[in-house]
Structures are given as C-alpha cells and as structure tokens.
Amino acid sequence: MEGGDKLGHILAYAALMAWFSWLYAGLGVRLVCAVGFLILGIGLEFAQALTDYRSFQLADMVADCVGVALGWAGAPPVLPNLLIFLERFLPNADANQR
C-alpha cells in the first residue's frame, strides 16, 4: 500500500499518546508526553539519516505529529478513559491475593 508506513507512524504515535493520556489525566503530564513523543519521532528521523540503510523523511515526522494529536484527541475528557472502562471487567487482583 502506497504510504502505508505513514499509517503505521500515525497508529503507533496515536497509541502511545492515548495510552499515556489514559494513565496520566493531568494536562501538564500530557503536554510533557506529547512533546516527548514529538521529540522522539523527529529524533528518530534524524538518526535514520545517519545510516545508509534507512532514510530521512519529513512526511514521517508529520505522520508522527498527526498520531500524537489523534491520541491526545481520543483521551479524556473528550472520550471516556478506556482503562477505567476495562477495569470494570477485569477481576480484582487485590481480592485474589487475600
């Protein structure tokens, strides 16, 4: 699929951002995570430029940024916290240890 790797970038960074947004509800922590993921994506592209078997692509950086934005948008308070929702259906680990 043409540009399929861009979809992979978007999905990976959206999943990362959503996961950490579900874990840490505070705006400040989310902002730090978002900036960190953006730095990670940009840094990895520059690191790839230093190799002779990978390539630097600005479009990959853009896809990473789109993924971070989608992950942020899919987190509370916009959407419910998926982790809290899933906890309702999982057995209570503390109760099983008693």
N, C-alpha and C. Protein backbone atom coordinates (compact mmCIF):
# COMPACT_ATOMS: atom_id res chain seq x y z
N MET A 1 0.85 -1.18 0.00
CA MET A 1 0.00 0.00 0.00
C MET A 1 0.90 1.24 0.00
N GLU A 2 0.64 2.11 -0.94
CA GLU A 2 1.43 3.34 -1.05
C GLU A 2 1.24 4.20 0.20
N GLY A 3 2.32 4.57 0.83
CA GLY A 3 2.26 5.41 2.03
C GLY A 3 1.79 4.65 3.26
N GLY A 4 1.79 3.33 3.20
CA GLY A 4 1.33 2.52 4.32
C GLY A 4 2.17 2.73 5.58
N ASP A 5 3.43 3.05 5.39
CA ASP A 5 4.27 3.29 6.57
C ASP A 5 3.83 4.55 7.32
N LYS A 6 3.25 5.49 6.60
CA LYS A 6 2.75 6.72 7.27
C LYS A 6 1.58 6.36 8.19
N LEU A 7 0.71 5.45 7.73
CA LEU A 7 -0.39 4.99 8.56
C LEU A 7 0.16 4.30 9.80
N GLY A 8 1.23 3.54 9.63
CA GLY A 8 1.88 2.90 10.77
C GLY A 8 2.41 3.91 11.77
N HIS A 9 3.02 4.97 11.27
CA HIS A 9 3.51 6.04 12.15
C HIS A 9 2.35 6.66 12.92
N ILE A 10 1.28 6.98 12.20
CA ILE A 10 0.12 7.61 12.84
C ILE A 10 -0.45 6.70 13.93
N LEU A 11 -0.65 5.43 13.61
CA LEU A 11 -1.23 4.50 14.58
C LEU A 11 -0.32 4.30 15.79
N ALA A 12 0.98 4.19 15.56
CA ALA A 12 1.91 3.96 16.67
C ALA A 12 1.94 5.15 17.62
N TYR A 13 2.05 6.34 17.08
CA TYR A 13 2.14 7.52 17.94
C TYR A 13 0.78 7.86 18.56
N ALA A 14 -0.31 7.55 17.87
CA ALA A 14 -1.64 7.74 18.47
C ALA A 14 -1.82 6.78 19.64
N ALA A 15 -1.38 5.55 19.48
CA ALA A 15 -1.49 4.57 20.56
C ALA A 15 -0.64 4.98 21.76
N LEU A 16 0.58 5.43 21.51
CA LEU A 16 1.44 5.89 22.61
C LEU A 16 0.81 7.05 23.36
N MET A 17 0.36 8.05 22.61
CA MET A 17 -0.20 9.24 23.25
C MET A 17 -1.49 8.91 23.98
N ALA A 18 -2.35 8.10 23.38
CA ALA A 18 -3.60 7.73 24.04
C ALA A 18 -3.32 6.95 25.32
N TRP A 19 -2.39 6.00 25.24
CA TRP A 19 -2.06 5.18 26.42
C TRP A 19 -1.61 6.05 27.59
N PHE A 20 -0.67 6.93 27.34
CA PHE A 20 -0.17 7.77 28.42
C PHE A 20 -1.19 8.81 28.86
N SER A 21 -2.07 9.22 27.96
CA SER A 21 -3.14 10.14 28.33
C SER A 21 -4.16 9.45 29.23
N TRP A 22 -4.38 8.15 29.00
CA TRP A 22 -5.29 7.41 29.86
C TRP A 22 -4.66 7.17 31.23
N LEU A 23 -3.34 7.00 31.27
CA LEU A 23 -2.66 6.77 32.54
C LEU A 23 -2.52 8.04 33.37
N TYR A 24 -2.24 9.14 32.71
CA TYR A 24 -1.97 10.41 33.38
C TYR A 24 -2.96 11.46 32.89
N ALA A 25 -3.93 11.78 33.74
CA ALA A 25 -5.01 12.68 33.32
C ALA A 25 -4.61 14.16 33.37
N GLY A 26 -3.55 14.50 34.09
CA GLY A 26 -3.17 15.90 34.24
C GLY A 26 -2.70 16.51 32.93
N LEU A 27 -3.13 17.73 32.69
CA LEU A 27 -2.77 18.42 31.45
C LEU A 27 -1.27 18.60 31.31
N GLY A 28 -0.60 18.93 32.41
CA GLY A 28 0.85 19.14 32.36
C GLY A 28 1.61 17.89 31.97
N VAL A 29 1.21 16.77 32.54
CA VAL A 29 1.88 15.50 32.24
C VAL A 29 1.62 15.12 30.78
N ARG A 30 0.39 15.33 30.33
CA ARG A 30 0.08 15.03 28.93
C ARG A 30 0.90 15.88 27.98
N LEU A 31 1.06 17.13 28.32
CA LEU A 31 1.85 18.02 27.47
C LEU A 31 3.29 17.55 27.41
N VAL A 32 3.85 17.15 28.53
CA VAL A 32 5.22 16.64 28.56
C VAL A 32 5.33 15.37 27.71
N CYS A 33 4.34 14.48 27.82
CA CYS A 33 4.34 13.26 27.00
C CYS A 33 4.27 13.60 25.52
N ALA A 34 3.37 14.52 25.16
CA ALA A 34 3.22 14.89 23.75
C ALA A 34 4.51 15.46 23.19
N VAL A 35 5.13 16.36 23.92
CA VAL A 35 6.39 16.95 23.47
C VAL A 35 7.47 15.86 23.39
N GLY A 36 7.50 14.98 24.37
CA GLY A 36 8.47 13.90 24.36
C GLY A 36 8.31 12.99 23.15
N PHE A 37 7.06 12.65 22.81
CA PHE A 37 6.83 11.79 21.65
C PHE A 37 7.19 12.50 20.35
N LEU A 38 6.93 13.79 20.29
CA LEU A 38 7.31 14.55 19.09
C LEU A 38 8.83 14.59 18.95
N ILE A 39 9.52 14.82 20.05
CA ILE A 39 10.99 14.82 20.02
C ILE A 39 11.51 13.44 19.62
N LEU A 40 10.86 12.39 20.13
CA LEU A 40 11.25 11.02 19.77
C LEU A 40 11.11 10.79 18.26
N GLY A 41 9.97 11.15 17.70
CA GLY A 41 9.74 10.94 16.28
C GLY A 41 10.71 11.72 15.40
N ILE A 42 10.93 12.97 15.76
CA ILE A 42 11.85 13.81 14.99
C ILE A 42 13.28 13.30 15.14
N GLY A 43 13.65 12.95 16.37
CA GLY A 43 15.00 12.44 16.61
C GLY A 43 15.28 11.15 15.88
N LEU A 44 14.30 10.26 15.84
CA LEU A 44 14.49 9.00 15.12
C LEU A 44 14.69 9.23 13.63
N GLU A 45 13.99 10.20 13.07
CA GLU A 45 14.18 10.50 11.65
C GLU A 45 15.59 11.01 11.38
N PHE A 46 16.08 11.89 12.24
CA PHE A 46 17.44 12.39 12.07
C PHE A 46 18.46 11.27 12.28
N ALA A 47 18.19 10.35 13.22
CA ALA A 47 19.09 9.22 13.42
C ALA A 47 19.11 8.31 12.20
N GLN A 48 17.95 8.14 11.56
CA GLN A 48 17.89 7.32 10.35
C GLN A 48 18.71 7.94 9.22
N ALA A 49 18.76 9.26 9.19
CA ALA A 49 19.54 9.94 8.15
C ALA A 49 21.04 9.64 8.28
N LEU A 50 21.46 9.23 9.47
CA LEU A 50 22.88 8.93 9.70
C LEU A 50 23.25 7.52 9.26
N THR A 51 22.26 6.72 8.89
CA THR A 51 22.55 5.36 8.44
C THR A 51 22.48 5.30 6.92
N ASP A 52 23.06 4.25 6.37
CA ASP A 52 22.99 4.10 4.91
C ASP A 52 21.91 3.11 4.49
N TYR A 53 21.14 2.58 5.44
CA TYR A 53 20.08 1.64 5.10
C TYR A 53 18.68 2.15 5.46
N ARG A 54 18.59 3.33 6.05
CA ARG A 54 17.30 3.96 6.36
C ARG A 54 17.32 5.36 5.77
N SER A 55 16.14 5.96 5.62
CA SER A 55 16.09 7.28 5.00
C SER A 55 15.37 8.28 5.90
N PHE A 56 15.72 9.51 5.76
CA PHE A 56 15.09 10.64 6.45
C PHE A 56 13.88 11.05 5.64
N GLN A 57 12.71 11.14 6.29
CA GLN A 57 11.51 11.58 5.58
C GLN A 57 10.74 12.56 6.45
N LEU A 58 10.56 13.74 5.93
CA LEU A 58 9.78 14.75 6.63
C LEU A 58 8.33 14.29 6.81
N ALA A 59 7.81 13.55 5.85
CA ALA A 59 6.43 13.05 5.93
C ALA A 59 6.25 12.12 7.13
N ASP A 60 7.29 11.39 7.51
CA ASP A 60 7.20 10.54 8.70
C ASP A 60 7.05 11.39 9.96
N MET A 61 7.75 12.50 10.01
CA MET A 61 7.62 13.41 11.16
C MET A 61 6.22 13.97 11.25
N VAL A 62 5.68 14.34 10.10
CA VAL A 62 4.31 14.87 10.06
C VAL A 62 3.33 13.80 10.53
N ALA A 63 3.53 12.56 10.07
CA ALA A 63 2.65 11.46 10.48
C ALA A 63 2.74 11.23 11.99
N ASP A 64 3.94 11.34 12.55
CA ASP A 64 4.11 11.21 14.00
C ASP A 64 3.32 12.29 14.73
N CYS A 65 3.40 13.52 14.24
CA CYS A 65 2.67 14.64 14.86
C CYS A 65 1.17 14.43 14.77
N VAL A 66 0.69 13.95 13.63
CA VAL A 66 -0.74 13.66 13.47
C VAL A 66 -1.16 12.58 14.46
N GLY A 67 -0.34 11.56 14.61
CA GLY A 67 -0.64 10.50 15.57
C GLY A 67 -0.73 11.00 16.99
N VAL A 68 0.21 11.85 17.39
CA VAL A 68 0.18 12.42 18.74
C VAL A 68 -1.10 13.24 18.93
N ALA A 69 -1.45 14.03 17.93
CA ALA A 69 -2.67 14.84 18.03
C ALA A 69 -3.91 13.96 18.13
N LEU A 70 -3.98 12.89 17.36
CA LEU A 70 -5.13 11.98 17.43
C LEU A 70 -5.20 11.27 18.78
N GLY A 71 -4.05 10.87 19.29
CA GLY A 71 -4.01 10.23 20.61
C GLY A 71 -4.47 11.16 21.70
N TRP A 72 -4.07 12.41 21.61
CA TRP A 72 -4.50 13.43 22.58
C TRP A 72 -6.01 13.63 22.46
N ALA A 73 -6.50 13.73 21.23
CA ALA A 73 -7.92 13.99 21.00
C ALA A 73 -8.79 12.81 21.45
N GLY A 74 -8.25 11.62 21.45
CA GLY A 74 -9.02 10.45 21.84
C GLY A 74 -8.96 10.13 23.31
N ALA A 75 -8.40 11.03 24.09
CA ALA A 75 -8.24 10.81 25.52
C ALA A 75 -9.27 11.63 26.30
N PRO A 76 -9.47 11.29 27.57
CA PRO A 76 -10.40 12.08 28.38
C PRO A 76 -9.92 13.52 28.47
N PRO A 77 -10.75 14.49 28.56
CA PRO A 77 -12.20 14.41 28.75
C PRO A 77 -12.98 14.30 27.45
N VAL A 78 -12.31 14.30 26.30
CA VAL A 78 -13.02 14.20 25.02
C VAL A 78 -13.74 12.86 24.92
N LEU A 79 -13.03 11.78 25.15
CA LEU A 79 -13.61 10.44 25.17
C LEU A 79 -13.40 9.84 26.56
N PRO A 80 -14.19 8.85 26.94
CA PRO A 80 -14.00 8.23 28.26
C PRO A 80 -12.66 7.53 28.37
N ASN A 81 -12.21 7.36 29.59
CA ASN A 81 -10.94 6.68 29.84
C ASN A 81 -11.13 5.19 29.62
N LEU A 82 -10.50 4.67 28.58
CA LEU A 82 -10.65 3.27 28.21
C LEU A 82 -10.13 2.34 29.30
N LEU A 83 -9.08 2.72 29.99
CA LEU A 83 -8.52 1.85 31.02
C LEU A 83 -9.47 1.69 32.19
N ILE A 84 -10.12 2.76 32.60
CA ILE A 84 -11.11 2.66 33.68
C ILE A 84 -12.28 1.79 33.25
N PHE A 85 -12.69 1.94 32.00
CA PHE A 85 -13.77 1.11 31.46
C PHE A 85 -13.38 -0.37 31.50
N LEU A 86 -12.15 -0.70 31.10
CA LEU A 86 -11.71 -2.09 31.08
C LEU A 86 -11.56 -2.68 32.48
N GLU A 87 -11.21 -1.85 33.46
CA GLU A 87 -11.04 -2.32 34.83
C GLU A 87 -12.33 -2.90 35.39
N ARG A 88 -13.46 -2.43 34.91
CA ARG A 88 -14.74 -2.94 35.40
C ARG A 88 -14.93 -4.41 35.04
N PHE A 89 -14.29 -4.86 33.98
CA PHE A 89 -14.49 -6.22 33.50
C PHE A 89 -13.37 -7.17 33.90
N LEU A 90 -12.31 -6.65 34.50
CA LEU A 90 -11.20 -7.50 34.92
C LEU A 90 -11.36 -7.88 36.38
N PRO A 91 -10.94 -9.08 36.73
CA PRO A 91 -11.03 -9.47 38.14
C PRO A 91 -10.12 -8.60 38.99
N ASN A 92 -10.53 -8.35 40.20
CA ASN A 92 -9.76 -7.52 41.12
C ASN A 92 -8.55 -8.30 41.61
N ALA A 93 -7.36 -7.86 41.25
CA ALA A 93 -6.12 -8.57 41.61
C ALA A 93 -5.91 -8.57 43.12
N ASP A 94 -6.26 -7.49 43.81
CA ASP A 94 -6.07 -7.41 45.25
C ASP A 94 -6.95 -8.42 45.97
N ALA A 95 -8.18 -8.59 45.50
CA ALA A 95 -9.09 -9.54 46.13
C ALA A 95 -8.60 -10.97 45.94
N ASN A 96 -7.94 -11.25 44.83
CA ASN A 96 -7.44 -12.61 44.59
C ASN A 96 -6.22 -12.95 45.43
N GLN A 97 -5.51 -11.95 45.94
CA GLN A 97 -4.30 -12.20 46.71
C GLN A 97 -4.59 -12.44 48.19
N ARG A 98 -5.79 -12.19 48.64
CA ARG A 98 -6.11 -12.35 50.06
C ARG A 98 -6.40 -13.76 50.43
